[in-house]
C-alpha atoms as a PDB file:
ATOM      1  CA  UNK A   1     -55.077  12.619  39.217  1.00  0.00           C
ATOM      2  CA  UNK A   2     -57.265  15.321  37.945  1.00  0.00           C
ATOM      3  CA  UNK A   3     -56.787  16.819  34.453  1.00  0.00           C
ATOM      4  CA  UNK A   4     -57.923  20.218  34.029  1.00  0.00           C
ATOM      5  CA  UNK A   5     -58.508  21.974  30.546  1.00  0.00           C
ATOM      6  CA  UNK A   6     -57.013  25.001  30.134  1.00  0.00           C
ATOM      7  CA  UNK A   7     -58.943  27.674  28.437  1.00  0.00           C
ATOM      8  CA  UNK A   8     -57.372  29.522  25.612  1.00  0.00           C
ATOM      9  CA  UNK A   9     -57.599  33.148  25.392  1.00  0.00           C
ATOM     10  CA  UNK A  10     -59.353  34.994  22.850  1.00  0.00           C
ATOM     11  CA  UNK A  11     -56.218  36.458  21.371  1.00  0.00           C
ATOM     12  CA  UNK A  12     -55.125  32.889  20.849  1.00  0.00           C
ATOM     13  CA  UNK A  13     -58.411  31.763  19.182  1.00  0.00           C
ATOM     14  CA  UNK A  14     -58.221  34.476  16.893  1.00  0.00           C
ATOM     15  CA  UNK A  15     -54.554  34.457  16.312  1.00  0.00           C
ATOM     16  CA  UNK A  16     -54.749  34.087  12.484  1.00  0.00           C
ATOM     17  CA  UNK A  17     -56.603  37.323  11.781  1.00  0.00           C
ATOM     18  CA  UNK A  18     -55.169  39.405  14.773  1.00  0.00           C
ATOM     19  CA  UNK A  19     -52.699  41.488  13.080  1.00  0.00           C
ATOM     20  CA  UNK A  20     -54.845  42.142  10.106  1.00  0.00           C
ATOM     21  CA  UNK A  21     -57.918  44.075  11.925  1.00  0.00           C
ATOM     22  CA  UNK A  22     -57.962  47.370  13.574  1.00  0.00           C
ATOM     23  CA  UNK A  23     -59.272  46.383  16.974  1.00  0.00           C
ATOM     24  CA  UNK A  24     -59.292  49.939  18.239  1.00  0.00           C
ATOM     25  CA  UNK A  25     -62.031  50.706  15.897  1.00  0.00           C
ATOM     26  CA  UNK A  26     -63.947  47.415  16.512  1.00  0.00           C
ATOM     27  CA  UNK A  27     -63.563  48.540  20.433  1.00  0.00           C
ATOM     28  CA  UNK A  28     -65.075  51.980  19.439  1.00  0.00           C
ATOM     29  CA  UNK A  29     -67.561  51.063  16.867  1.00  0.00           C
ATOM     30  CA  UNK A  30     -69.018  47.844  18.525  1.00  0.00           C
ATOM     31  CA  UNK A  31     -68.614  48.025  22.322  1.00  0.00           C
ATOM     32  CA  UNK A  32     -68.309  51.828  22.790  1.00  0.00           C
ATOM     33  CA  UNK A  33     -65.006  51.304  24.648  1.00  0.00           C
ATOM     34  CA  UNK A  34     -61.310  52.005  24.438  1.00  0.00           C
ATOM     35  CA  UNK A  35     -58.476  49.916  22.615  1.00  0.00           C
ATOM     36  CA  UNK A  36     -57.101  49.203  26.014  1.00  0.00           C
ATOM     37  CA  UNK A  37     -60.412  47.740  27.617  1.00  0.00           C
ATOM     38  CA  UNK A  38     -60.611  45.181  24.349  1.00  0.00           C
ATOM     39  CA  UNK A  39     -56.736  44.539  24.725  1.00  0.00           C
ATOM     40  CA  UNK A  40     -57.334  43.507  28.202  1.00  0.00           C
ATOM     41  CA  UNK A  41     -60.370  41.308  27.297  1.00  0.00           C
ATOM     42  CA  UNK A  42     -58.547  39.667  24.296  1.00  0.00           C
ATOM     43  CA  UNK A  43     -55.580  38.822  26.611  1.00  0.00           C
ATOM     44  CA  UNK A  44     -57.771  37.765  29.531  1.00  0.00           C
ATOM     45  CA  UNK A  45     -56.056  39.986  32.010  1.00  0.00           C
ATOM     46  CA  UNK A  46     -56.887  43.428  33.437  1.00  0.00           C
ATOM     47  CA  UNK A  47     -54.842  46.416  34.150  1.00  0.00           C
ATOM     48  CA  UNK A  48     -54.092  44.813  37.360  1.00  0.00           C
ATOM     49  CA  UNK A  49     -53.036  41.408  36.369  1.00  0.00           C
ATOM     50  CA  UNK A  50     -56.548  39.981  37.363  1.00  0.00           C
ATOM     51  CA  UNK A  51     -58.056  37.234  35.044  1.00  0.00           C
ATOM     52  CA  UNK A  52     -60.837  38.455  33.077  1.00  0.00           C
ATOM     53  CA  UNK A  53     -63.287  37.216  30.532  1.00  0.00           C
ATOM     54  CA  UNK A  54     -65.390  38.244  27.860  1.00  0.00           C
ATOM     55  CA  UNK A  55     -69.252  37.790  29.041  1.00  0.00           C
ATOM     56  CA  UNK A  56     -71.653  35.984  26.870  1.00  0.00           C
ATOM     57  CA  UNK A  57     -73.117  39.099  25.814  1.00  0.00           C
ATOM     58  CA  UNK A  58     -69.566  40.536  24.823  1.00  0.00           C
ATOM     59  CA  UNK A  59     -68.786  37.214  22.986  1.00  0.00           C
ATOM     60  CA  UNK A  60     -71.713  37.674  20.963  1.00  0.00           C
ATOM     61  CA  UNK A  61     -71.086  41.331  20.120  1.00  0.00           C
ATOM     62  CA  UNK A  62     -67.735  40.275  18.739  1.00  0.00           C
ATOM     63  CA  UNK A  63     -69.081  37.565  16.842  1.00  0.00           C
ATOM     64  CA  UNK A  64     -71.757  39.866  15.166  1.00  0.00           C
ATOM     65  CA  UNK A  65     -68.697  42.498  14.669  1.00  0.00           C
ATOM     66  CA  UNK A  66     -66.399  39.947  13.106  1.00  0.00           C
ATOM     67  CA  UNK A  67     -69.575  38.834  10.873  1.00  0.00           C
ATOM     68  CA  UNK A  68     -70.399  42.426   9.953  1.00  0.00           C
ATOM     69  CA  UNK A  69     -66.629  43.266   9.086  1.00  0.00           C
ATOM     70  CA  UNK A  70     -66.361  40.075   6.927  1.00  0.00           C
ATOM     71  CA  UNK A  71     -69.672  41.095   4.933  1.00  0.00           C
ATOM     72  CA  UNK A  72     -68.381  44.593   4.534  1.00  0.00           C
ATOM     73  CA  UNK A  73     -65.154  43.395   3.084  1.00  0.00           C
ATOM     74  CA  UNK A  74     -66.727  40.911   0.730  1.00  0.00           C
ATOM     75  CA  UNK A  75     -68.980  43.701  -0.677  1.00  0.00           C
ATOM     76  CA  UNK A  76     -65.932  45.875  -1.238  1.00  0.00           C
ATOM     77  CA  UNK A  77     -63.972  43.123  -2.950  1.00  0.00           C
ATOM     78  CA  UNK A  78     -67.195  42.531  -5.194  1.00  0.00           C
ATOM     79  CA  UNK A  79     -66.907  46.051  -6.456  1.00  0.00           C
ATOM     80  CA  UNK A  80     -63.346  45.660  -8.021  1.00  0.00           C
END
């Protein structure tokens, strides 16, 4: 019996922050893409229902975007 490990979608990995972030702005600012493009990537499905994933480069871009956003939030909080 072969046991396969099911990959979690990017959306499920980031569920804790998913509703608190403007994904449309992140998509445009860091990727130069539409909100629907990022939404499809996050859900792991393209508009035709085919499976898609973030490339390694896209994962790195998303990681840097989240770090940048967290730093910007911290700077704003420190000004209070």
